[in-house]
Amino acid sequence: MAEISSFPRIDPELVARLSRFGAAVLSDAMGRRGCVGHSLQARWPGAALAGPAFTVWTREGDNLAVHEALEVTAPGDVLVVDGQGATTRALIGEMIGIKAKARGLAGFVIDGAARDVAELEELGMPVFSRGQTPAGPFKTGPFELLDAVAIGGVVVHPGDAVVADRDGVVVVPRDRAAGVLARAEEIAAGEVAKRAANAVPIR
């Protein structure tokens, strides 16, 4: 197996602390920014992920890049794939899911399509994508690994934090993550008081 790609990843402890908050709170903590377009949603109920972005750019309908990336990802990485928003061919399915599970991948965020959704759910491999289709991909390239990419209207750099849940996907820039965490903690504390106030019956 190839060596793991080395690049500045967000600190795992910081990722863990960010993941305690929902995607909505993290977006609020960034001035309501960082939300990936609503079309990228979980492929199976209850899917959630958090980790540093390993970025991939590929031409639409081609997943050679995904295979190559999985040879050099680190455990806990989130594979963020700019597939040009095309949903005519799936970029991942069960076989890639099995390989990703073995590599310890945290999950996938794909501006493109997936397939074998039932099998991915059974594997417990979180996948957030623009769509799904039974049509398989080509494997000819071209592609780029570890460049900045755009998914759902948000720019993602290698090593940024990616957090996703039932509400959708949020990207937290690595160099802003500590400040976003501090603000998220403030927002969460404030919401405790708001919940109590909103629960008081109107007399």
N, C-alpha and C. Protein backbone atom coordinates (compact mmCIF):
# COMPACT_ATOMS: atom_id res chain seq x y z
N MET A 1 0.85 -1.20 0.00
CA MET A 1 0.00 0.00 0.00
C MET A 1 0.88 1.25 0.00
N ALA A 2 0.46 2.26 -0.73
CA ALA A 2 1.23 3.51 -0.80
C ALA A 2 1.23 4.21 0.55
N GLU A 3 2.21 5.09 0.73
CA GLU A 3 2.29 5.86 1.97
C GLU A 3 1.13 6.85 2.05
N ILE A 4 0.75 7.17 3.28
CA ILE A 4 -0.30 8.16 3.51
C ILE A 4 0.19 9.54 3.08
N SER A 5 -0.66 10.26 2.37
CA SER A 5 -0.31 11.62 1.94
C SER A 5 -0.17 12.53 3.15
N SER A 6 0.90 13.30 3.15
CA SER A 6 1.15 14.23 4.25
C SER A 6 0.79 15.65 3.82
N PHE A 7 -0.10 16.27 4.56
CA PHE A 7 -0.47 17.67 4.34
C PHE A 7 -1.07 18.17 5.65
N PRO A 8 -1.15 19.49 5.85
CA PRO A 8 -1.66 20.00 7.13
C PRO A 8 -3.14 19.66 7.34
N ARG A 9 -3.41 18.76 8.26
CA ARG A 9 -4.78 18.38 8.59
C ARG A 9 -5.19 19.09 9.88
N ILE A 10 -6.46 19.40 10.00
CA ILE A 10 -6.98 19.96 11.24
C ILE A 10 -6.74 18.95 12.36
N ASP A 11 -6.45 19.45 13.55
CA ASP A 11 -6.14 18.61 14.69
C ASP A 11 -7.33 17.70 15.02
N PRO A 12 -7.10 16.39 15.20
CA PRO A 12 -8.20 15.45 15.48
C PRO A 12 -9.02 15.83 16.72
N GLU A 13 -8.37 16.36 17.75
CA GLU A 13 -9.11 16.76 18.95
C GLU A 13 -10.06 17.91 18.63
N LEU A 14 -9.62 18.83 17.79
CA LEU A 14 -10.47 19.94 17.39
C LEU A 14 -11.65 19.45 16.56
N VAL A 15 -11.40 18.49 15.69
CA VAL A 15 -12.49 17.88 14.93
C VAL A 15 -13.51 17.25 15.86
N ALA A 16 -13.03 16.52 16.85
CA ALA A 16 -13.93 15.86 17.80
C ALA A 16 -14.79 16.88 18.53
N ARG A 17 -14.21 18.00 18.92
CA ARG A 17 -14.96 19.03 19.63
C ARG A 17 -15.97 19.71 18.71
N LEU A 18 -15.58 19.95 17.46
CA LEU A 18 -16.51 20.53 16.50
C LEU A 18 -17.69 19.59 16.23
N SER A 19 -17.40 18.31 16.19
CA SER A 19 -18.43 17.33 15.84
C SER A 19 -19.52 17.22 16.90
N ARG A 20 -19.27 17.77 18.11
CA ARG A 20 -20.31 17.74 19.16
C ARG A 20 -21.45 18.68 18.83
N PHE A 21 -21.20 19.61 17.93
CA PHE A 21 -22.24 20.55 17.52
C PHE A 21 -22.81 20.12 16.17
N GLY A 22 -24.07 20.41 15.95
CA GLY A 22 -24.67 20.11 14.66
C GLY A 22 -24.14 21.02 13.58
N ALA A 23 -24.37 20.61 12.35
CA ALA A 23 -23.96 21.41 11.20
C ALA A 23 -24.58 22.80 11.26
N ALA A 24 -25.82 22.89 11.74
CA ALA A 24 -26.51 24.18 11.79
C ALA A 24 -25.82 25.15 12.75
N VAL A 25 -25.42 24.67 13.92
CA VAL A 25 -24.75 25.53 14.90
C VAL A 25 -23.40 25.99 14.35
N LEU A 26 -22.67 25.10 13.71
CA LEU A 26 -21.37 25.47 13.16
C LEU A 26 -21.53 26.52 12.06
N SER A 27 -22.55 26.38 11.26
CA SER A 27 -22.79 27.40 10.24
C SER A 27 -23.13 28.74 10.87
N ASP A 28 -23.97 28.72 11.91
CA ASP A 28 -24.28 29.95 12.63
C ASP A 28 -23.02 30.60 13.18
N ALA A 29 -22.10 29.75 13.66
CA ALA A 29 -20.86 30.25 14.24
C ALA A 29 -19.94 30.88 13.19
N MET A 30 -20.20 30.60 11.93
CA MET A 30 -19.43 31.21 10.84
C MET A 30 -20.22 32.30 10.13
N GLY A 31 -21.16 32.91 10.85
CA GLY A 31 -21.98 33.95 10.22
C GLY A 31 -22.95 33.39 9.21
N ARG A 32 -23.41 32.16 9.44
CA ARG A 32 -24.35 31.46 8.57
C ARG A 32 -23.76 31.16 7.20
N ARG A 33 -22.45 30.92 7.20
CA ARG A 33 -21.75 30.56 5.97
C ARG A 33 -21.20 29.14 6.11
N GLY A 34 -20.56 28.66 5.05
CA GLY A 34 -19.93 27.35 5.09
C GLY A 34 -20.83 26.18 4.78
N CYS A 35 -22.12 26.45 4.54
CA CYS A 35 -23.07 25.36 4.25
C CYS A 35 -22.96 24.93 2.79
N VAL A 36 -22.72 23.66 2.58
CA VAL A 36 -22.74 23.10 1.24
C VAL A 36 -24.19 23.08 0.75
N GLY A 37 -24.38 23.30 -0.54
CA GLY A 37 -25.73 23.35 -1.11
C GLY A 37 -26.62 22.21 -0.67
N HIS A 38 -27.90 22.50 -0.49
CA HIS A 38 -28.84 21.54 0.10
C HIS A 38 -29.00 20.27 -0.72
N SER A 39 -28.57 20.29 -1.98
CA SER A 39 -28.73 19.11 -2.83
C SER A 39 -27.83 17.96 -2.39
N LEU A 40 -26.76 18.26 -1.65
CA LEU A 40 -25.88 17.20 -1.16
C LEU A 40 -26.41 16.72 0.19
N GLN A 41 -26.99 15.55 0.18
CA GLN A 41 -27.63 15.01 1.38
C GLN A 41 -27.16 13.59 1.66
N ALA A 42 -27.44 13.13 2.88
CA ALA A 42 -27.07 11.78 3.28
C ALA A 42 -27.79 10.76 2.40
N ARG A 43 -27.06 9.73 2.02
CA ARG A 43 -27.66 8.67 1.19
C ARG A 43 -28.43 7.68 2.02
N TRP A 44 -28.18 7.64 3.33
CA TRP A 44 -28.97 6.74 4.18
C TRP A 44 -29.26 7.43 5.51
N PRO A 45 -30.41 7.11 6.13
CA PRO A 45 -30.84 7.81 7.35
C PRO A 45 -29.84 7.63 8.49
N GLY A 46 -29.57 8.73 9.18
CA GLY A 46 -28.70 8.67 10.33
C GLY A 46 -27.22 8.81 10.02
N ALA A 47 -26.87 8.92 8.75
CA ALA A 47 -25.46 9.07 8.40
C ALA A 47 -24.93 10.39 8.95
N ALA A 48 -23.72 10.36 9.47
CA ALA A 48 -23.06 11.56 9.98
C ALA A 48 -21.56 11.34 9.90
N LEU A 49 -20.82 12.42 9.75
CA LEU A 49 -19.36 12.29 9.66
C LEU A 49 -18.70 13.57 10.13
N ALA A 50 -17.42 13.45 10.47
CA ALA A 50 -16.59 14.61 10.80
C ALA A 50 -15.14 14.20 10.61
N GLY A 51 -14.36 15.09 9.98
CA GLY A 51 -12.96 14.79 9.78
C GLY A 51 -12.31 15.79 8.86
N PRO A 52 -11.00 15.68 8.67
CA PRO A 52 -10.28 16.56 7.76
C PRO A 52 -10.54 16.18 6.30
N ALA A 53 -10.63 17.18 5.45
CA ALA A 53 -10.93 16.96 4.04
C ALA A 53 -9.71 16.45 3.29
N PHE A 54 -9.89 15.37 2.56
CA PHE A 54 -8.93 14.93 1.55
C PHE A 54 -9.62 15.23 0.22
N THR A 55 -9.14 16.22 -0.50
CA THR A 55 -9.88 16.74 -1.65
C THR A 55 -9.51 16.04 -2.95
N VAL A 56 -10.53 15.87 -3.78
CA VAL A 56 -10.39 15.21 -5.08
C VAL A 56 -11.15 16.01 -6.12
N TRP A 57 -10.52 16.24 -7.26
CA TRP A 57 -11.23 16.78 -8.42
C TRP A 57 -11.19 15.72 -9.51
N THR A 58 -12.35 15.48 -10.12
CA THR A 58 -12.40 14.51 -11.21
C THR A 58 -13.38 14.98 -12.27
N ARG A 59 -13.15 14.53 -13.49
CA ARG A 59 -14.14 14.83 -14.53
C ARG A 59 -15.41 14.06 -14.24
N GLU A 60 -16.52 14.55 -14.74
CA GLU A 60 -17.81 13.95 -14.39
C GLU A 60 -17.88 12.49 -14.84
N GLY A 61 -18.44 11.68 -13.95
CA GLY A 61 -18.67 10.27 -14.27
C GLY A 61 -17.44 9.39 -14.24
N ASP A 62 -16.32 9.85 -13.68
CA ASP A 62 -15.07 9.08 -13.69
C ASP A 62 -14.54 8.98 -12.26
N ASN A 63 -14.24 7.75 -11.80
CA ASN A 63 -13.82 7.60 -10.41
C ASN A 63 -12.40 7.04 -10.24
N LEU A 64 -11.58 7.12 -11.27
CA LEU A 64 -10.19 6.72 -11.11
C LEU A 64 -9.55 7.47 -9.95
N ALA A 65 -9.90 8.75 -9.82
CA ALA A 65 -9.36 9.58 -8.74
C ALA A 65 -9.68 9.01 -7.36
N VAL A 66 -10.88 8.49 -7.19
CA VAL A 66 -11.29 7.96 -5.90
C VAL A 66 -10.44 6.75 -5.53
N HIS A 67 -10.23 5.87 -6.50
CA HIS A 67 -9.38 4.70 -6.26
C HIS A 67 -7.97 5.12 -5.87
N GLU A 68 -7.43 6.09 -6.59
CA GLU A 68 -6.07 6.55 -6.29
C GLU A 68 -6.01 7.22 -4.91
N ALA A 69 -7.01 8.01 -4.60
CA ALA A 69 -7.03 8.71 -3.31
C ALA A 69 -7.07 7.73 -2.15
N LEU A 70 -7.84 6.67 -2.28
CA LEU A 70 -7.98 5.72 -1.18
C LEU A 70 -6.68 4.99 -0.87
N GLU A 71 -5.73 5.03 -1.78
CA GLU A 71 -4.43 4.42 -1.50
C GLU A 71 -3.58 5.26 -0.56
N VAL A 72 -3.92 6.54 -0.43
CA VAL A 72 -3.05 7.45 0.33
C VAL A 72 -3.78 8.26 1.41
N THR A 73 -5.06 7.98 1.64
CA THR A 73 -5.79 8.67 2.71
C THR A 73 -5.33 8.15 4.07
N ALA A 74 -5.57 8.96 5.09
CA ALA A 74 -5.29 8.56 6.46
C ALA A 74 -6.59 8.18 7.16
N PRO A 75 -6.53 7.31 8.17
CA PRO A 75 -7.74 7.01 8.95
C PRO A 75 -8.35 8.31 9.50
N GLY A 76 -9.66 8.43 9.36
CA GLY A 76 -10.35 9.62 9.83
C GLY A 76 -10.57 10.68 8.79
N ASP A 77 -9.92 10.56 7.62
CA ASP A 77 -10.13 11.53 6.55
C ASP A 77 -11.54 11.45 5.99
N VAL A 78 -12.02 12.57 5.47
CA VAL A 78 -13.27 12.62 4.70
C VAL A 78 -12.89 12.87 3.25
N LEU A 79 -13.27 11.96 2.36
CA LEU A 79 -12.97 12.16 0.95
C LEU A 79 -14.01 13.12 0.36
N VAL A 80 -13.54 14.30 -0.04
CA VAL A 80 -14.40 15.34 -0.59
C VAL A 80 -14.16 15.37 -2.10
N VAL A 81 -15.16 15.00 -2.87
CA VAL A 81 -14.99 14.79 -4.30
C VAL A 81 -15.79 15.82 -5.10
N ASP A 82 -15.07 16.63 -5.87
CA ASP A 82 -15.71 17.54 -6.82
C ASP A 82 -15.90 16.77 -8.11
N GLY A 83 -17.10 16.23 -8.29
CA GLY A 83 -17.44 15.45 -9.48
C GLY A 83 -18.22 16.25 -10.49
N GLN A 84 -18.07 17.57 -10.45
CA GLN A 84 -18.72 18.48 -11.40
C GLN A 84 -20.24 18.51 -11.26
N GLY A 85 -20.74 17.96 -10.14
CA GLY A 85 -22.18 17.98 -9.92
C GLY A 85 -22.95 17.01 -10.78
N ALA A 86 -22.26 16.14 -11.51
CA ALA A 86 -22.94 15.22 -12.43
C ALA A 86 -23.53 14.03 -11.67
N THR A 87 -24.75 13.66 -12.00
CA THR A 87 -25.41 12.54 -11.32
C THR A 87 -25.77 11.41 -12.29
N THR A 88 -25.20 11.44 -13.48
CA THR A 88 -25.52 10.40 -14.47
C THR A 88 -24.75 9.11 -14.23
N ARG A 89 -23.62 9.18 -13.51
CA ARG A 89 -22.84 7.99 -13.19
C ARG A 89 -22.35 8.07 -11.75
N ALA A 90 -22.43 6.94 -11.04
CA ALA A 90 -22.02 6.92 -9.64
C ALA A 90 -20.50 6.90 -9.53
N LEU A 91 -19.98 7.69 -8.60
CA LEU A 91 -18.53 7.73 -8.36
C LEU A 91 -18.08 6.75 -7.29
N ILE A 92 -19.01 6.30 -6.45
CA ILE A 92 -18.66 5.27 -5.47
C ILE A 92 -19.83 4.30 -5.34
N GLY A 93 -19.50 3.12 -4.83
CA GLY A 93 -20.50 2.10 -4.55
C GLY A 93 -19.97 1.15 -3.49
N GLU A 94 -20.51 -0.06 -3.45
CA GLU A 94 -20.16 -0.99 -2.39
C GLU A 94 -18.68 -1.32 -2.35
N MET A 95 -18.06 -1.60 -3.50
CA MET A 95 -16.66 -2.02 -3.51
C MET A 95 -15.74 -0.93 -2.95
N ILE A 96 -15.99 0.30 -3.35
CA ILE A 96 -15.21 1.41 -2.79
C ILE A 96 -15.53 1.59 -1.32
N GLY A 97 -16.79 1.38 -0.94
CA GLY A 97 -17.16 1.47 0.47
C GLY A 97 -16.39 0.48 1.32
N ILE A 98 -16.23 -0.74 0.83
CA ILE A 98 -15.47 -1.76 1.57
C ILE A 98 -14.02 -1.33 1.72
N LYS A 99 -13.45 -0.82 0.65
CA LYS A 99 -12.06 -0.37 0.68
C LYS A 99 -11.90 0.81 1.64
N ALA A 100 -12.85 1.74 1.59
CA ALA A 100 -12.80 2.90 2.47
C ALA A 100 -12.92 2.49 3.93
N LYS A 101 -13.77 1.53 4.21
CA LYS A 101 -13.93 1.04 5.58
C LYS A 101 -12.61 0.46 6.08
N ALA A 102 -11.94 -0.30 5.23
CA ALA A 102 -10.66 -0.89 5.61
C ALA A 102 -9.59 0.16 5.86
N ARG A 103 -9.68 1.28 5.15
CA ARG A 103 -8.72 2.36 5.33
C ARG A 103 -9.05 3.25 6.52
N GLY A 104 -10.22 3.04 7.13
CA GLY A 104 -10.62 3.86 8.27
C GLY A 104 -11.16 5.22 7.89
N LEU A 105 -11.64 5.35 6.64
CA LEU A 105 -12.17 6.64 6.18
C LEU A 105 -13.40 7.03 7.01
N ALA A 106 -13.53 8.33 7.31
CA ALA A 106 -14.69 8.81 8.07
C ALA A 106 -15.93 8.88 7.20
N GLY A 107 -15.76 9.01 5.88
CA GLY A 107 -16.91 9.08 4.99
C GLY A 107 -16.60 9.85 3.72
N PHE A 108 -17.65 10.06 2.93
CA PHE A 108 -17.54 10.73 1.64
C PHE A 108 -18.51 11.90 1.55
N VAL A 109 -18.04 12.98 0.94
CA VAL A 109 -18.91 14.07 0.50
C VAL A 109 -18.65 14.24 -0.99
N ILE A 110 -19.67 14.01 -1.80
CA ILE A 110 -19.47 13.91 -3.25
C ILE A 110 -20.41 14.85 -3.98
N ASP A 111 -19.84 15.79 -4.73
CA ASP A 111 -20.67 16.59 -5.63
C ASP A 111 -20.82 15.79 -6.92
N GLY A 112 -21.64 14.77 -6.80
CA GLY A 112 -21.85 13.77 -7.85
C GLY A 112 -22.78 12.72 -7.28
N ALA A 113 -22.72 11.52 -7.81
CA ALA A 113 -23.67 10.48 -7.43
C ALA A 113 -22.98 9.28 -6.79
N ALA A 114 -23.78 8.49 -6.07
CA ALA A 114 -23.34 7.23 -5.47
C ALA A 114 -24.31 6.13 -5.89
N ARG A 115 -23.93 4.88 -5.61
CA ARG A 115 -24.85 3.76 -5.83
C ARG A 115 -24.61 2.72 -4.74
N ASP A 116 -25.34 1.60 -4.82
CA ASP A 116 -25.25 0.55 -3.78
C ASP A 116 -25.52 1.14 -2.40
N VAL A 117 -26.54 1.95 -2.32
CA VAL A 117 -26.81 2.69 -1.08
C VAL A 117 -27.12 1.74 0.08
N ALA A 118 -27.88 0.68 -0.18
CA ALA A 118 -28.21 -0.26 0.90
C ALA A 118 -26.95 -0.90 1.46
N GLU A 119 -26.03 -1.24 0.57
CA GLU A 119 -24.79 -1.87 1.01
C GLU A 119 -23.91 -0.88 1.78
N LEU A 120 -23.88 0.37 1.34
CA LEU A 120 -23.11 1.40 2.05
C LEU A 120 -23.68 1.62 3.45
N GLU A 121 -25.01 1.59 3.55
CA GLU A 121 -25.64 1.71 4.87
C GLU A 121 -25.27 0.53 5.76
N GLU A 122 -25.30 -0.67 5.19
CA GLU A 122 -24.95 -1.86 5.97
C GLU A 122 -23.50 -1.80 6.44
N LEU A 123 -22.63 -1.22 5.61
CA LEU A 123 -21.23 -1.04 6.00
C LEU A 123 -21.07 0.03 7.08
N GLY A 124 -22.07 0.90 7.20
CA GLY A 124 -21.95 2.04 8.10
C GLY A 124 -21.03 3.10 7.55
N MET A 125 -20.93 3.19 6.22
CA MET A 125 -20.06 4.17 5.58
C MET A 125 -20.87 5.41 5.21
N PRO A 126 -20.68 6.52 5.93
CA PRO A 126 -21.46 7.74 5.64
C PRO A 126 -21.13 8.29 4.25
N VAL A 127 -22.17 8.56 3.49
CA VAL A 127 -22.02 9.15 2.16
C VAL A 127 -23.02 10.28 2.01
N PHE A 128 -22.52 11.46 1.68
CA PHE A 128 -23.35 12.60 1.36
C PHE A 128 -23.06 12.94 -0.09
N SER A 129 -24.10 12.94 -0.92
CA SER A 129 -23.89 13.17 -2.34
C SER A 129 -25.06 13.93 -2.94
N ARG A 130 -24.87 14.35 -4.19
CA ARG A 130 -25.91 15.11 -4.88
C ARG A 130 -27.04 14.20 -5.36
N GLY A 131 -26.74 12.93 -5.56
CA GLY A 131 -27.77 12.01 -6.03
C GLY A 131 -27.28 10.58 -6.01
N GLN A 132 -28.08 9.70 -6.57
CA GLN A 132 -27.70 8.30 -6.68
C GLN A 132 -28.22 7.74 -7.99
N THR A 133 -27.52 6.76 -8.51
CA THR A 133 -27.88 6.14 -9.78
C THR A 133 -27.22 4.77 -9.84
N PRO A 134 -27.85 3.81 -10.52
CA PRO A 134 -27.20 2.51 -10.68
C PRO A 134 -26.09 2.52 -11.72
N ALA A 135 -26.00 3.56 -12.52
CA ALA A 135 -25.01 3.60 -13.60
C ALA A 135 -23.58 3.70 -13.05
N GLY A 136 -22.71 2.85 -13.53
CA GLY A 136 -21.33 2.82 -13.07
C GLY A 136 -20.46 3.86 -13.75
N PRO A 137 -19.25 4.09 -13.20
CA PRO A 137 -18.36 5.14 -13.69
C PRO A 137 -17.36 4.65 -14.73
N PHE A 138 -16.71 5.62 -15.36
CA PHE A 138 -15.51 5.35 -16.16
C PHE A 138 -14.31 5.40 -15.23
N LYS A 139 -13.15 4.97 -15.71
CA LYS A 139 -11.94 4.96 -14.89
C LYS A 139 -10.73 5.36 -15.75
N THR A 140 -10.84 6.53 -16.37
CA THR A 140 -9.76 6.95 -17.27
C THR A 140 -9.12 8.28 -16.89
N GLY A 141 -9.73 9.03 -15.96
CA GLY A 141 -9.20 10.35 -15.61
C GLY A 141 -9.63 11.38 -16.64
N PRO A 142 -9.06 12.59 -16.55
CA PRO A 142 -8.01 13.04 -15.64
C PRO A 142 -8.56 13.35 -14.24
N PHE A 143 -7.63 13.62 -13.30
CA PHE A 143 -8.05 13.99 -11.96
C PHE A 143 -6.92 14.73 -11.27
N GLU A 144 -7.25 15.36 -10.14
CA GLU A 144 -6.27 16.03 -9.30
C GLU A 144 -6.58 15.68 -7.84
N LEU A 145 -5.54 15.43 -7.08
CA LEU A 145 -5.69 15.19 -5.64
C LEU A 145 -5.08 16.34 -4.87
N LEU A 146 -5.74 16.69 -3.76
CA LEU A 146 -5.22 17.66 -2.79
C LEU A 146 -5.03 19.05 -3.37
N ASP A 147 -5.93 19.45 -4.27
CA ASP A 147 -6.08 20.84 -4.68
C ASP A 147 -7.36 21.37 -4.04
N ALA A 148 -7.49 22.69 -3.99
CA ALA A 148 -8.77 23.26 -3.55
C ALA A 148 -9.85 22.85 -4.54
N VAL A 149 -11.03 22.49 -4.02
CA VAL A 149 -12.16 22.11 -4.86
C VAL A 149 -13.39 22.91 -4.44
N ALA A 150 -14.42 22.84 -5.26
CA ALA A 150 -15.70 23.48 -4.93
C ALA A 150 -16.78 22.42 -4.94
N ILE A 151 -17.50 22.32 -3.84
CA ILE A 151 -18.64 21.39 -3.78
C ILE A 151 -19.85 22.15 -3.27
N GLY A 152 -20.92 22.06 -4.01
CA GLY A 152 -22.15 22.72 -3.57
C GLY A 152 -21.98 24.18 -3.25
N GLY A 153 -21.11 24.88 -3.99
CA GLY A 153 -20.94 26.31 -3.80
C GLY A 153 -19.99 26.70 -2.70
N VAL A 154 -19.29 25.74 -2.10
CA VAL A 154 -18.34 26.02 -1.02
C VAL A 154 -16.95 25.54 -1.42
N VAL A 155 -15.95 26.39 -1.23
CA VAL A 155 -14.57 26.01 -1.51
C VAL A 155 -14.04 25.20 -0.33
N VAL A 156 -13.37 24.10 -0.65
CA VAL A 156 -12.79 23.22 0.37
C VAL A 156 -11.30 23.05 0.08
N HIS A 157 -10.48 23.30 1.10
CA HIS A 157 -9.05 23.09 0.99
C HIS A 157 -8.67 21.80 1.73
N PRO A 158 -7.62 21.14 1.29
CA PRO A 158 -7.16 19.96 2.03
C PRO A 158 -6.92 20.29 3.50
N GLY A 159 -7.42 19.44 4.37
CA GLY A 159 -7.22 19.64 5.80
C GLY A 159 -8.29 20.43 6.50
N ASP A 160 -9.22 21.07 5.75
CA ASP A 160 -10.35 21.74 6.39
C ASP A 160 -11.21 20.72 7.12
N ALA A 161 -11.96 21.18 8.12
CA ALA A 161 -12.88 20.29 8.83
C ALA A 161 -14.18 20.18 8.05
N VAL A 162 -14.67 18.96 7.91
CA VAL A 162 -15.96 18.70 7.27
C VAL A 162 -16.84 18.00 8.30
N VAL A 163 -18.01 18.58 8.54
CA VAL A 163 -18.96 18.02 9.49
C VAL A 163 -20.31 17.89 8.77
N ALA A 164 -20.93 16.72 8.87
CA ALA A 164 -22.20 16.49 8.18
C ALA A 164 -23.14 15.68 9.05
N ASP A 165 -24.42 16.02 8.98
CA ASP A 165 -25.45 15.30 9.72
C ASP A 165 -26.76 15.39 8.95
N ARG A 166 -27.89 15.19 9.62
CA ARG A 166 -29.18 15.18 8.92
C ARG A 166 -29.51 16.51 8.28
N ASP A 167 -28.96 17.61 8.80
CA ASP A 167 -29.23 18.92 8.23
C ASP A 167 -28.43 19.17 6.95
N GLY A 168 -27.31 18.49 6.78
CA GLY A 168 -26.48 18.69 5.61
C GLY A 168 -25.00 18.76 5.96
N VAL A 169 -24.24 19.43 5.10
CA VAL A 169 -22.77 19.43 5.20
C VAL A 169 -22.27 20.85 5.43
N VAL A 170 -21.33 20.99 6.37
CA VAL A 170 -20.68 22.27 6.65
C VAL A 170 -19.17 22.08 6.57
N VAL A 171 -18.50 23.08 6.00
CA VAL A 171 -17.04 23.07 5.92
C VAL A 171 -16.50 24.19 6.79
N VAL A 172 -15.60 23.84 7.71
CA VAL A 172 -14.96 24.82 8.59
C VAL A 172 -13.50 24.96 8.17
N PRO A 173 -13.10 26.13 7.66
CA PRO A 173 -11.70 26.31 7.26
C PRO A 173 -10.76 26.00 8.41
N ARG A 174 -9.69 25.29 8.10
CA ARG A 174 -8.75 24.86 9.14
C ARG A 174 -8.20 26.02 9.93
N ASP A 175 -7.89 27.15 9.26
CA ASP A 175 -7.27 28.27 9.97
C ASP A 175 -8.27 29.08 10.79
N ARG A 176 -9.56 28.76 10.70
CA ARG A 176 -10.58 29.46 11.48
C ARG A 176 -11.24 28.56 12.51
N ALA A 177 -10.84 27.30 12.56
CA ALA A 177 -11.59 26.31 13.32
C ALA A 177 -11.65 26.61 14.81
N ALA A 178 -10.54 27.07 15.40
CA ALA A 178 -10.55 27.35 16.84
C ALA A 178 -11.53 28.46 17.17
N GLY A 179 -11.57 29.50 16.36
CA GLY A 179 -12.52 30.59 16.58
C GLY A 179 -13.95 30.16 16.37
N VAL A 180 -14.18 29.32 15.36
CA VAL A 180 -15.53 28.81 15.11
C VAL A 180 -15.99 27.96 16.28
N LEU A 181 -15.09 27.14 16.82
CA LEU A 181 -15.45 26.32 17.97
C LEU A 181 -15.85 27.19 19.15
N ALA A 182 -15.06 28.22 19.43
CA ALA A 182 -15.38 29.10 20.56
C ALA A 182 -16.75 29.74 20.37
N ARG A 183 -17.03 30.20 19.17
CA ARG A 183 -18.32 30.83 18.89
C ARG A 183 -19.46 29.81 18.98
N ALA A 184 -19.23 28.59 18.51
CA ALA A 184 -20.25 27.54 18.60
C ALA A 184 -20.59 27.23 20.05
N GLU A 185 -19.58 27.23 20.90
CA GLU A 185 -19.82 26.99 22.33
C GLU A 185 -20.67 28.09 22.93
N GLU A 186 -20.42 29.33 22.52
CA GLU A 186 -21.24 30.45 22.99
C GLU A 186 -22.68 30.31 22.53
N ILE A 187 -22.85 29.98 21.26
CA ILE A 187 -24.21 29.83 20.70
C ILE A 187 -24.95 28.71 21.42
N ALA A 188 -24.28 27.57 21.62
CA ALA A 188 -24.92 26.44 22.28
C ALA A 188 -25.34 26.78 23.70
N ALA A 189 -24.49 27.52 24.40
CA ALA A 189 -24.84 27.92 25.76
C ALA A 189 -26.05 28.85 25.76
N GLY A 190 -26.09 29.76 24.81
CA GLY A 190 -27.23 30.67 24.70
C GLY A 190 -28.51 29.95 24.37
N GLU A 191 -28.41 28.88 23.58
CA GLU A 191 -29.61 28.15 23.18
C GLU A 191 -30.23 27.38 24.34
N VAL A 192 -29.43 27.03 25.33
CA VAL A 192 -29.97 26.37 26.52
C VAL A 192 -31.00 27.29 27.19
N ALA A 193 -30.62 28.56 27.35
CA ALA A 193 -31.54 29.53 27.95
C ALA A 193 -32.76 29.76 27.07
N LYS A 194 -32.56 29.83 25.77
CA LYS A 194 -33.68 30.06 24.85
C LYS A 194 -34.67 28.91 24.89
N ARG A 195 -34.16 27.68 24.97
CA ARG A 195 -35.07 26.53 25.04
C ARG A 195 -35.94 26.60 26.29
N ALA A 196 -35.31 26.97 27.40
CA ALA A 196 -36.07 27.06 28.65
C ALA A 196 -37.14 28.15 28.55
N ALA A 197 -36.76 29.30 27.95
CA ALA A 197 -37.73 30.39 27.81
C ALA A 197 -38.86 30.02 26.86
N ASN A 198 -38.52 29.35 25.77
CA ASN A 198 -39.55 29.00 24.78
C ASN A 198 -40.49 27.91 25.28
N ALA A 199 -40.04 27.16 26.28
CA ALA A 199 -40.88 26.08 26.81
C ALA A 199 -41.89 26.54 27.84
N VAL A 200 -41.81 27.81 28.26
CA VAL A 200 -42.75 28.32 29.26
C VAL A 200 -44.12 28.51 28.60
N PRO A 201 -45.17 27.91 29.16
CA PRO A 201 -46.51 28.02 28.57
C PRO A 201 -46.98 29.48 28.55
N ILE A 202 -47.68 29.84 27.51
CA ILE A 202 -48.29 31.18 27.44
C ILE A 202 -49.52 31.19 28.32
N ARG A 203 -49.62 32.18 29.20
CA ARG A 203 -50.75 32.25 30.12
C ARG A 203 -51.77 33.27 29.63
